[in-house]
Amino acid sequence: MWMVRAGHIPEGALGRKVLEIQKSGGLYDIGGIRWQLLLCLFLIFTIVYFSLWKGVKTSGKVVWVTATLPYVVLLILLIRGATLPGAWRGVVFYLRPDWGKLLSTAVWVDAAAQIFFSLGPGFGVLLALASYNHFHNNCYRDALVTSAVNCLTSFLSGFVIFTVLGYMAEMRDVEVEDVARDKGPSLLFITYPEAIANMVGSTFFAIIFFLMMITLGLDSTFGGLEAVITAVMDEYPQVLAGRRELFVLGLITVCFLGSLSTLTYGGAYVVKLLEEFGAGCSILAVVLLETIAVSWFYGIQRFSHDVKAMLGFTPGFFWKLCWVAISPALLAFIVISSLLEQPPLTLFDYRYPEWSISVGFLIGASSFICIPLYMVYKLVWTPGSLKQVRSRRDNPTAPGWAGLGRDPTRVRRLAHPQHLGVAMKSHRESLGRARREIRCALSLAQRLAVCIRPEKISRAPQAEGVGMAPVL
């Protein structure tokens, strides 16, 4: 995050050489594009394209590297950090809680945003990747394992960071709290690299550290773009079938062009504005609407039946209570509280103008306003009264139900899993009857052939095809 202390412009390589933010006067004058950053971004998006253009067949292989390498680097940095002088000071500061912070709404918003960014619920990433699983895949187990691994990884990363912060505090002869005030790029590109530069073997640790950061960024980009690609291609299979490479190229081109403003001399101001309003509360609002849509409108009982059809058992009372009441209530409280407490937006010694705050609220609203608008659009566009629409929703096999999307192929994607299971069972029974009828017909034909020409008692080609022995 671009949350560096107000009144402090980062010196050295980050501020003067990489960002060159001194050449920008703020949002009114963000300056031109730095060609060095442009080339780096082009290289990154090129890697992303060739990792996603063939689907999970290619991205799945790349993720084996981008998802496992950070753990190896974290363990190496943890071992090295634990051997540094003063590391214990950072660990003590990390494990000593400040209960007064729980009264701050900003802490809850930051914590919720951290969980959503690291775990990915509400982004569509988990839904897109899970759509490639089998219907009866144990998603309950996967959810528990993924959540536990995510929290343990964050906990482990805290030790990696604070052992080095304790070392920096020992070197500067200050308190760990003073060093820990540096956040976002200041911590990532100034404090931590400064500590690495003072270690033995600094070149090796610097290489693996920034390689880890690149792989983490690539991994996040893979997931976010795959969610968009899967959703759009499932929605328009007739148009995009066989054209995935071109669609992915177009999507990445749009993302590349949209990020050009962040490559300017004042790109840090743009990133701060997007981060402050495009993330955080807007993500929580999207997840709140998703929770309400599934638990209240779709119905918790129907959702539980869907889970039972997939896993063979119904979710317990605790999970239903979380989906219906606890999660929506907590999310609504965090969103409303954060909107009521809006501190002045500043970056370094720059105070954002009032008009930029309005633009920021529009950016944040654009993230979730499409959900209620699309709901109203579907209600108006779907033929029939509201009662008829609810009847079709409750009975997906009713005549005219495909009219909900004016596309018969949507029945395959929207049908209730129980009805889908019944249809598959009926299809298998029909195939079984057809096979039995074919066998009877071939048996009768064989008997007639034997009666007409008894010497023809060899295995019939038709019987070979269905695994039958000739009937004598």
Protein backbone atom coordinates (compact mmCIF):
# COMPACT_ATOMS: atom_id res chain seq x y z
CA MET A 1 0.00 0.00 0.00
CA TRP A 2 1.07 3.57 -0.63
CA MET A 3 0.63 4.49 3.04
CA VAL A 4 3.81 6.33 3.91
CA ARG A 5 3.87 8.86 6.70
CA ALA A 6 2.46 12.22 5.72
CA GLY A 7 5.08 14.89 5.36
CA HIS A 8 7.74 12.39 4.37
CA ILE A 9 8.81 11.94 0.76
CA PRO A 10 10.76 8.70 0.32
CA GLU A 11 14.40 9.34 -0.40
CA GLY A 12 16.96 7.24 -2.21
CA ALA A 13 16.22 4.72 -4.92
CA LEU A 14 12.46 4.49 -4.33
CA GLY A 15 11.49 8.15 -4.34
CA ARG A 16 14.18 9.82 -6.43
CA LYS A 17 15.21 7.09 -8.86
CA VAL A 18 12.28 4.66 -9.27
CA LEU A 19 9.22 6.85 -8.69
CA GLU A 20 10.77 10.26 -9.48
CA ILE A 21 7.74 11.65 -7.70
CA GLN A 22 9.47 15.01 -7.29
CA LYS A 23 8.66 15.68 -10.97
CA SER A 24 4.91 15.57 -10.28
CA GLY A 25 2.80 18.27 -8.69
CA GLY A 26 -0.05 15.95 -7.69
CA LEU A 27 -3.20 14.78 -9.47
CA TYR A 28 -3.34 18.03 -11.45
CA ASP A 29 0.08 17.32 -12.93
CA ILE A 30 0.99 13.64 -12.87
CA GLY A 31 3.61 14.08 -15.61
CA GLY A 32 4.64 11.70 -18.36
CA ILE A 33 5.14 7.96 -18.41
CA ARG A 34 8.45 6.52 -17.25
CA TRP A 35 9.65 4.24 -20.03
CA GLN A 36 11.55 1.98 -17.60
CA LEU A 37 8.36 1.18 -15.70
CA LEU A 38 6.52 0.77 -18.99
CA LEU A 39 8.94 -1.90 -20.18
CA CYS A 40 8.73 -3.72 -16.85
CA LEU A 41 4.93 -3.73 -16.96
CA PHE A 42 4.95 -4.92 -20.58
CA LEU A 43 7.23 -7.80 -19.60
CA ILE A 44 4.96 -8.76 -16.71
CA PHE A 45 1.81 -8.76 -18.83
CA THR A 46 3.60 -10.78 -21.51
CA ILE A 47 4.38 -13.45 -18.91
CA VAL A 48 0.78 -13.31 -17.70
CA TYR A 49 -0.60 -13.73 -21.22
CA PHE A 50 1.47 -16.79 -22.10
CA SER A 51 0.55 -18.29 -18.73
CA LEU A 52 -3.20 -17.88 -19.25
CA TRP A 53 -3.79 -18.12 -22.99
CA LYS A 54 -4.32 -21.91 -22.97
CA GLY A 55 -6.34 -21.99 -19.76
CA VAL A 56 -5.63 -24.01 -16.63
CA LYS A 57 -3.42 -26.36 -18.64
CA THR A 58 -0.72 -23.68 -18.75
CA SER A 59 -1.56 -21.56 -15.71
CA GLY A 60 -1.76 -24.67 -13.52
CA LYS A 61 1.84 -25.55 -14.37
CA VAL A 62 3.05 -22.00 -13.75
CA VAL A 63 1.26 -21.85 -10.40
CA TRP A 64 3.29 -24.82 -9.20
CA VAL A 65 6.25 -22.41 -9.23
CA THR A 66 4.58 -19.13 -8.26
CA ALA A 67 2.67 -20.71 -5.35
CA THR A 68 5.43 -22.86 -3.85
CA LEU A 69 8.49 -20.64 -4.35
CA PRO A 70 7.29 -17.97 -1.83
CA TYR A 71 7.12 -20.61 0.91
CA VAL A 72 10.70 -21.67 0.25
CA VAL A 73 11.88 -18.06 0.31
CA LEU A 74 9.88 -17.32 3.48
CA LEU A 75 11.54 -20.22 5.29
CA ILE A 76 15.00 -19.07 4.17
CA LEU A 77 14.35 -15.48 5.26
CA LEU A 78 12.84 -16.66 8.55
CA ILE A 79 15.92 -18.73 9.41
CA ARG A 80 18.23 -15.87 8.46
CA GLY A 81 16.15 -13.29 10.34
CA ALA A 82 16.05 -15.40 13.50
CA THR A 83 19.86 -15.38 13.62
CA LEU A 84 20.13 -11.57 13.42
CA PRO A 85 20.93 -9.54 16.56
CA GLY A 86 17.83 -7.92 18.04
CA ALA A 87 15.42 -10.29 16.24
CA TRP A 88 13.83 -11.24 19.56
CA ARG A 89 12.74 -7.61 20.05
CA GLY A 90 10.71 -7.75 16.87
CA VAL A 91 9.16 -11.08 17.82
CA VAL A 92 8.12 -9.77 21.25
CA PHE A 93 6.59 -6.68 19.65
CA TYR A 94 4.78 -8.89 17.10
CA LEU A 95 3.27 -11.23 19.69
CA ARG A 96 2.34 -8.57 22.26
CA PRO A 97 -1.22 -7.45 21.43
CA ASP A 98 -2.51 -3.89 21.81
CA TRP A 99 -6.13 -4.47 22.80
CA GLY A 100 -6.97 -0.80 22.43
CA LYS A 101 -6.61 -1.10 18.67
CA LEU A 102 -9.75 -3.27 18.61
CA LEU A 103 -11.81 -0.12 19.21
CA SER A 104 -10.57 1.42 15.95
CA THR A 105 -12.78 0.83 12.91
CA ALA A 106 -9.80 1.29 10.61
CA VAL A 107 -8.15 -1.77 12.13
CA TRP A 108 -11.21 -3.92 11.41
CA VAL A 109 -11.48 -2.61 7.84
CA ASP A 110 -7.78 -3.25 7.21
CA ALA A 111 -8.02 -6.73 8.74
CA ALA A 112 -11.07 -7.62 6.65
CA ALA A 113 -9.43 -6.27 3.49
CA GLN A 114 -6.29 -8.28 4.27
CA ILE A 115 -8.30 -11.50 4.59
CA PHE A 116 -10.21 -10.84 1.38
CA PHE A 117 -7.07 -9.98 -0.55
CA SER A 118 -5.10 -12.97 0.72
CA LEU A 119 -7.88 -15.56 0.65
CA GLY A 120 -9.85 -14.20 -2.29
CA PRO A 121 -13.55 -14.65 -1.36
CA GLY A 122 -15.87 -12.33 -3.23
CA PHE A 123 -13.47 -11.84 -6.14
CA GLY A 124 -14.84 -14.74 -8.16
CA VAL A 125 -11.39 -16.34 -8.20
CA LEU A 126 -12.33 -19.28 -5.99
CA LEU A 127 -15.58 -19.82 -7.92
CA ALA A 128 -13.79 -19.75 -11.26
CA LEU A 129 -11.09 -22.20 -10.20
CA ALA A 130 -13.54 -24.45 -8.35
CA SER A 131 -15.68 -24.73 -11.48
CA TYR A 132 -13.01 -27.05 -12.91
CA ASN A 133 -13.51 -29.55 -10.06
CA HIS A 134 -15.77 -32.57 -10.15
CA PHE A 135 -19.36 -32.07 -9.00
CA HIS A 136 -18.85 -34.18 -5.87
CA ASN A 137 -15.50 -32.64 -4.93
CA ASN A 138 -15.22 -32.12 -1.16
CA CYS A 139 -15.37 -28.32 -1.19
CA TYR A 140 -16.04 -28.29 2.57
CA ARG A 141 -12.63 -29.82 3.24
CA ASP A 142 -10.99 -27.55 0.67
CA ALA A 143 -12.50 -24.44 2.29
CA LEU A 144 -11.24 -25.40 5.75
CA VAL A 145 -7.75 -26.33 4.51
CA THR A 146 -7.42 -23.20 2.36
CA SER A 147 -8.50 -20.89 5.18
CA ALA A 148 -6.16 -22.55 7.67
CA VAL A 149 -3.18 -22.44 5.28
CA ASN A 150 -3.90 -18.79 4.49
CA CYS A 151 -3.96 -17.74 8.16
CA LEU A 152 -0.85 -19.79 9.00
CA THR A 153 0.99 -18.26 6.04
CA SER A 154 0.13 -14.74 7.23
CA PHE A 155 1.25 -15.66 10.76
CA LEU A 156 4.53 -17.05 9.42
CA SER A 157 5.09 -13.94 7.30
CA GLY A 158 4.73 -11.81 10.42
CA PHE A 159 7.74 -13.54 11.97
CA VAL A 160 9.73 -13.01 8.77
CA ILE A 161 8.97 -9.28 8.82
CA PHE A 162 9.32 -8.54 12.53
CA THR A 163 12.57 -10.40 13.07
CA VAL A 164 14.09 -8.02 10.54
CA LEU A 165 12.33 -5.00 12.09
CA GLY A 166 13.83 -5.97 15.45
CA TYR A 167 17.22 -6.13 13.77
CA MET A 168 16.69 -2.66 12.24
CA ALA A 169 15.62 -1.28 15.63
CA GLU A 170 18.80 -2.71 17.15
CA MET A 171 20.92 -1.10 14.43
CA ARG A 172 19.23 2.31 14.73
CA ASP A 173 19.04 2.13 18.53
CA VAL A 174 15.31 2.93 18.51
CA GLU A 175 12.14 1.13 19.51
CA VAL A 176 10.60 -1.46 17.19
CA GLU A 177 7.42 0.60 17.12
CA ASP A 178 9.31 3.46 15.48
CA VAL A 179 10.59 1.18 12.73
CA ALA A 180 7.19 -0.52 12.29
CA ARG A 181 5.55 2.81 11.44
CA ASP A 182 6.86 2.45 7.92
CA LYS A 183 4.19 0.74 5.84
CA GLY A 184 3.54 -0.35 2.29
CA PRO A 185 6.29 0.51 -0.21
CA SER A 186 8.34 2.25 2.46
CA LEU A 187 8.61 -1.03 4.38
CA LEU A 188 8.87 -3.18 1.30
CA PHE A 189 11.37 -1.15 -0.74
CA ILE A 190 13.28 0.86 1.89
CA THR A 191 13.32 -0.68 5.37
CA TYR A 192 13.50 -4.37 4.46
CA PRO A 193 16.04 -3.95 1.61
CA GLU A 194 18.14 -1.78 3.93
CA ALA A 195 18.23 -4.63 6.42
CA ILE A 196 19.09 -7.13 3.68
CA ALA A 197 21.91 -4.89 2.46
CA ASN A 198 23.55 -5.11 5.88
CA MET A 199 23.43 -8.91 6.00
CA VAL A 200 26.17 -11.31 5.02
CA GLY A 201 25.36 -12.57 1.54
CA SER A 202 23.12 -9.59 0.86
CA THR A 203 23.05 -10.15 -2.92
CA PHE A 204 21.59 -13.64 -2.58
CA PHE A 205 18.93 -12.57 -0.09
CA ALA A 206 18.00 -9.53 -2.17
CA ILE A 207 17.52 -11.67 -5.28
CA ILE A 208 15.29 -14.26 -3.63
CA PHE A 209 13.32 -11.57 -1.77
CA PHE A 210 12.36 -9.61 -4.87
CA LEU A 211 11.86 -12.83 -6.84
CA MET A 212 9.34 -13.82 -4.19
CA MET A 213 7.55 -10.48 -4.57
CA ILE A 214 7.34 -10.93 -8.34
CA THR A 215 5.91 -14.44 -8.05
CA LEU A 216 3.34 -13.28 -5.49
CA GLY A 217 2.22 -10.52 -7.83
CA LEU A 218 2.01 -12.91 -10.76
CA ASP A 219 0.03 -15.42 -8.72
CA SER A 220 -2.52 -12.78 -7.71
CA THR A 221 -2.81 -11.57 -11.29
CA PHE A 222 -3.37 -15.11 -12.58
CA GLY A 223 -6.27 -15.65 -10.20
CA GLY A 224 -7.97 -12.32 -10.83
CA LEU A 225 -7.80 -12.56 -14.60
CA GLU A 226 -8.79 -16.23 -14.68
CA ALA A 227 -11.98 -15.33 -12.80
CA VAL A 228 -12.91 -12.78 -15.48
CA ILE A 229 -11.93 -15.09 -18.34
CA THR A 230 -13.90 -18.07 -17.02
CA ALA A 231 -17.02 -16.01 -16.27
CA VAL A 232 -17.15 -14.32 -19.68
CA MET A 233 -16.37 -17.48 -21.65
CA ASP A 234 -19.04 -19.45 -19.76
CA GLU A 235 -21.54 -16.68 -20.43
CA TYR A 236 -20.84 -16.50 -24.19
CA PRO A 237 -19.59 -19.96 -25.22
CA GLN A 238 -20.96 -19.73 -28.77
CA VAL A 239 -19.04 -16.51 -29.47
CA LEU A 240 -15.77 -17.24 -27.66
CA ALA A 241 -15.46 -20.98 -28.26
CA GLY A 242 -12.09 -21.58 -29.91
CA ARG A 243 -11.12 -17.92 -29.49
CA ARG A 244 -9.69 -17.98 -25.97
CA GLU A 245 -6.26 -16.77 -27.07
CA LEU A 246 -7.71 -13.67 -28.75
CA PHE A 247 -10.02 -12.93 -25.84
CA VAL A 248 -7.21 -13.21 -23.29
CA LEU A 249 -5.05 -10.96 -25.47
CA GLY A 250 -7.80 -8.35 -25.60
CA LEU A 251 -8.41 -8.50 -21.86
CA ILE A 252 -4.72 -8.13 -21.01
CA THR A 253 -4.40 -5.27 -23.49
CA VAL A 254 -7.25 -3.44 -21.75
CA CYS A 255 -5.61 -4.02 -18.36
CA PHE A 256 -2.27 -2.80 -19.68
CA LEU A 257 -3.75 0.39 -21.11
CA GLY A 258 -5.76 1.00 -17.95
CA SER A 259 -2.62 0.86 -15.80
CA LEU A 260 -0.63 3.43 -17.80
CA SER A 261 -1.66 6.27 -15.48
CA THR A 262 0.10 4.49 -12.59
CA LEU A 263 3.39 4.53 -14.53
CA THR A 264 3.63 8.33 -14.58
CA TYR A 265 5.74 10.45 -12.27
CA GLY A 266 2.62 11.01 -10.17
CA GLY A 267 1.52 7.40 -10.43
CA ALA A 268 1.86 6.96 -6.69
CA TYR A 269 -0.95 9.47 -6.18
CA VAL A 270 -3.17 7.54 -8.60
CA VAL A 271 -2.39 4.22 -6.90
CA LYS A 272 -3.19 5.69 -3.50
CA LEU A 273 -6.56 6.98 -4.75
CA LEU A 274 -7.46 3.65 -6.36
CA GLU A 275 -6.31 1.72 -3.32
CA GLU A 276 -8.18 3.88 -0.84
CA PHE A 277 -11.53 3.76 -2.64
CA GLY A 278 -11.30 0.85 -5.09
CA ALA A 279 -10.37 -1.67 -2.41
CA GLY A 280 -11.35 -2.08 1.21
CA CYS A 281 -14.96 -1.01 1.65
CA SER A 282 -15.96 -1.71 -1.95
CA ILE A 283 -14.78 -5.32 -1.62
CA LEU A 284 -16.66 -5.71 1.65
CA ALA A 285 -19.78 -4.26 0.02
CA VAL A 286 -19.57 -6.76 -2.84
CA VAL A 287 -19.22 -9.68 -0.44
CA LEU A 288 -22.12 -8.31 1.65
CA LEU A 289 -24.37 -8.27 -1.42
CA GLU A 290 -23.24 -11.79 -2.37
CA THR A 291 -24.01 -13.06 1.13
CA ILE A 292 -27.47 -11.48 1.12
CA ALA A 293 -28.22 -12.79 -2.38
CA VAL A 294 -27.31 -16.38 -1.52
CA SER A 295 -28.60 -16.59 2.05
CA TRP A 296 -31.76 -14.49 1.82
CA PHE A 297 -32.91 -14.41 -1.80
CA TYR A 298 -31.73 -17.79 -3.06
CA GLY A 299 -32.55 -19.26 0.34
CA ILE A 300 -30.39 -20.91 2.94
CA GLN A 301 -32.42 -24.14 2.75
CA ARG A 302 -32.02 -24.43 -1.00
CA PHE A 303 -28.33 -23.66 -0.67
CA SER A 304 -28.03 -26.36 2.01
CA HIS A 305 -29.78 -28.85 -0.29
CA ASP A 306 -27.27 -27.97 -3.02
CA VAL A 307 -24.41 -28.66 -0.63
CA LYS A 308 -26.01 -31.97 0.35
CA ALA A 309 -26.37 -32.96 -3.31
CA MET A 310 -22.64 -32.34 -3.77
CA LEU A 311 -21.19 -33.61 -0.48
CA GLY A 312 -23.84 -35.98 0.84
CA PHE A 313 -24.49 -34.07 4.06
CA THR A 314 -26.17 -30.81 5.08
CA PRO A 315 -24.14 -27.95 6.61
CA GLY A 316 -24.48 -27.58 10.36
CA PHE A 317 -26.41 -24.94 12.25
CA PHE A 318 -23.28 -22.87 12.93
CA TRP A 319 -22.55 -22.39 9.23
CA LYS A 320 -26.15 -21.50 8.45
CA LEU A 321 -26.15 -18.93 11.26
CA CYS A 322 -22.94 -17.41 9.92
CA TRP A 323 -24.30 -17.18 6.38
CA VAL A 324 -27.68 -15.76 7.36
CA ALA A 325 -26.90 -13.41 10.26
CA ILE A 326 -23.37 -13.14 11.60
CA SER A 327 -21.45 -12.49 8.37
CA PRO A 328 -23.95 -9.96 6.90
CA ALA A 329 -24.16 -8.12 10.22
CA LEU A 330 -20.39 -7.83 10.66
CA LEU A 331 -19.84 -6.82 7.05
CA ALA A 332 -22.59 -4.17 7.20
CA PHE A 333 -21.17 -2.79 10.45
CA ILE A 334 -17.65 -2.51 9.04
CA VAL A 335 -18.82 -0.89 5.79
CA ILE A 336 -21.07 1.67 7.48
CA SER A 337 -18.51 2.52 10.17
CA SER A 338 -15.73 3.02 7.65
CA LEU A 339 -17.93 5.32 5.54
CA LEU A 340 -18.75 7.42 8.59
CA GLU A 341 -15.08 7.75 9.56
CA GLN A 342 -13.26 9.18 6.56
CA PRO A 343 -9.92 10.75 7.52
CA PRO A 344 -8.32 13.30 5.17
CA LEU A 345 -6.61 11.61 2.26
CA THR A 346 -2.91 12.46 2.13
CA LEU A 347 0.25 10.98 0.64
CA PHE A 348 3.69 12.17 1.63
CA ASP A 349 3.24 15.96 2.00
CA TYR A 350 0.41 16.10 -0.57
CA ARG A 351 -3.21 16.60 0.44
CA TYR A 352 -5.76 15.35 -2.06
CA PRO A 353 -8.24 17.94 -3.43
CA GLU A 354 -11.95 17.66 -2.69
CA TRP A 355 -12.91 16.70 -6.23
CA SER A 356 -10.62 13.65 -6.05
CA ILE A 357 -12.61 12.39 -3.04
CA SER A 358 -15.79 12.49 -5.13
CA VAL A 359 -14.00 10.64 -7.93
CA GLY A 360 -12.84 8.08 -5.39
CA PHE A 361 -16.38 7.43 -4.18
CA LEU A 362 -17.47 6.90 -7.79
CA ILE A 363 -14.62 4.42 -8.26
CA GLY A 364 -15.66 2.55 -5.15
CA ALA A 365 -19.34 2.53 -6.13
CA SER A 366 -18.49 1.16 -9.58
CA SER A 367 -17.21 -2.02 -7.94
CA PHE A 368 -20.58 -3.11 -6.57
CA ILE A 369 -23.31 -0.94 -8.12
CA CYS A 370 -23.60 -3.36 -11.05
CA ILE A 371 -25.00 -6.06 -8.74
CA PRO A 372 -28.25 -4.31 -7.71
CA LEU A 373 -28.59 -2.74 -11.17
CA TYR A 374 -28.38 -6.16 -12.83
CA MET A 375 -30.91 -7.53 -10.34
CA VAL A 376 -33.40 -4.80 -11.24
CA TYR A 377 -32.67 -5.31 -14.93
CA LYS A 378 -33.40 -9.04 -14.77
CA LEU A 379 -36.64 -8.46 -12.86
CA VAL A 380 -37.84 -5.93 -15.44
CA TRP A 381 -36.65 -7.86 -18.48
CA THR A 382 -37.91 -11.31 -17.44
CA PRO A 383 -41.45 -11.91 -18.78
CA GLY A 384 -44.27 -12.52 -16.32
CA SER A 385 -45.22 -11.18 -12.94
CA LEU A 386 -43.02 -11.32 -9.85
CA LYS A 387 -45.01 -14.31 -8.59
CA GLN A 388 -44.43 -16.18 -11.85
CA VAL A 389 -40.73 -15.40 -11.75
CA ARG A 390 -40.48 -16.75 -8.20
CA SER A 391 -42.39 -19.87 -9.29
CA ARG A 392 -39.93 -20.46 -12.12
CA ARG A 393 -37.04 -19.91 -9.75
CA ASP A 394 -38.40 -22.47 -7.29
CA ASN A 395 -39.11 -24.98 -10.09
CA PRO A 396 -36.31 -24.80 -12.67
CA THR A 397 -37.86 -27.62 -14.73
CA ALA A 398 -41.11 -25.74 -15.25
CA PRO A 399 -42.03 -24.83 -18.86
CA GLY A 400 -40.68 -21.49 -19.91
CA TRP A 401 -37.96 -21.43 -17.29
CA ALA A 402 -35.32 -21.07 -20.01
CA GLY A 403 -36.94 -17.74 -20.82
CA LEU A 404 -35.27 -16.29 -17.76
CA GLY A 405 -32.16 -15.87 -19.80
CA ARG A 406 -33.69 -16.15 -23.29
CA ASP A 407 -31.01 -18.74 -23.89
CA PRO A 408 -31.80 -22.47 -23.56
CA THR A 409 -28.15 -23.25 -22.88
CA ARG A 410 -28.44 -21.36 -19.57
CA VAL A 411 -30.59 -24.21 -18.25
CA ARG A 412 -27.45 -26.32 -18.11
CA ARG A 413 -25.67 -23.73 -15.98
CA LEU A 414 -28.58 -22.61 -13.81
CA ALA A 415 -30.45 -25.85 -13.17
CA HIS A 416 -30.71 -27.03 -9.60
CA PRO A 417 -28.17 -29.78 -8.86
CA GLN A 418 -30.92 -32.16 -7.71
CA HIS A 419 -32.81 -31.76 -10.98
CA LEU A 420 -29.55 -32.18 -12.85
CA GLY A 421 -28.93 -35.44 -10.99
CA VAL A 422 -32.45 -36.69 -11.82
CA ALA A 423 -31.94 -35.83 -15.47
CA MET A 424 -28.61 -37.67 -15.59
CA LYS A 425 -30.14 -40.72 -13.92
CA SER A 426 -33.03 -40.71 -16.40
CA HIS A 427 -30.55 -40.41 -19.26
CA ARG A 428 -28.56 -43.40 -18.01
CA GLU A 429 -31.75 -45.46 -17.70
CA SER A 430 -32.72 -44.58 -21.27
CA LEU A 431 -29.32 -45.67 -22.51
CA GLY A 432 -29.67 -48.94 -20.60
CA ARG A 433 -33.07 -49.66 -22.17
CA ALA A 434 -31.66 -48.86 -25.60
CA ARG A 435 -28.76 -51.28 -25.10
CA ARG A 436 -31.12 -54.06 -23.97
CA GLU A 437 -33.36 -53.52 -27.01
CA ILE A 438 -30.36 -53.68 -29.34
CA ARG A 439 -29.22 -56.92 -27.73
CA CYS A 440 -32.67 -58.46 -28.11
CA ALA A 441 -32.84 -57.40 -31.75
CA LEU A 442 -29.40 -58.84 -32.49
CA SER A 443 -30.26 -62.03 -30.65
CA LEU A 444 -33.41 -62.46 -32.74
CA ALA A 445 -31.47 -61.77 -35.95
CA GLN A 446 -28.87 -64.38 -34.99
CA ARG A 447 -31.54 -67.02 -34.33
CA LEU A 448 -33.11 -66.34 -37.73
CA ALA A 449 -29.68 -66.60 -39.39
CA VAL A 450 -29.00 -69.97 -37.73
CA CYS A 451 -32.39 -71.31 -38.80
CA ILE A 452 -31.84 -70.26 -42.40
CA ARG A 453 -28.14 -71.30 -42.66
CA PRO A 454 -27.10 -73.48 -39.70
CA GLU A 455 -23.44 -73.47 -40.76
CA LYS A 456 -23.22 -69.77 -39.91
CA ILE A 457 -22.49 -70.16 -36.21
CA SER A 458 -19.42 -67.88 -35.96
CA ARG A 459 -19.46 -64.79 -33.71
CA ALA A 460 -21.47 -62.05 -35.38
CA PRO A 461 -19.74 -58.67 -35.91
CA GLN A 462 -22.70 -56.93 -34.25
CA ALA A 463 -22.38 -59.19 -31.25
CA GLU A 464 -18.68 -58.39 -31.03
CA GLY A 465 -19.59 -54.70 -30.89
CA VAL A 466 -21.84 -55.12 -27.86
CA GLY A 467 -19.91 -57.94 -26.16
CA MET A 468 -22.47 -60.74 -26.88
CA ALA A 469 -21.92 -64.41 -27.62
CA PRO A 470 -23.82 -65.94 -30.57
CA VAL A 471 -27.06 -67.65 -29.64
CA LEU A 472 -27.25 -71.19 -31.08
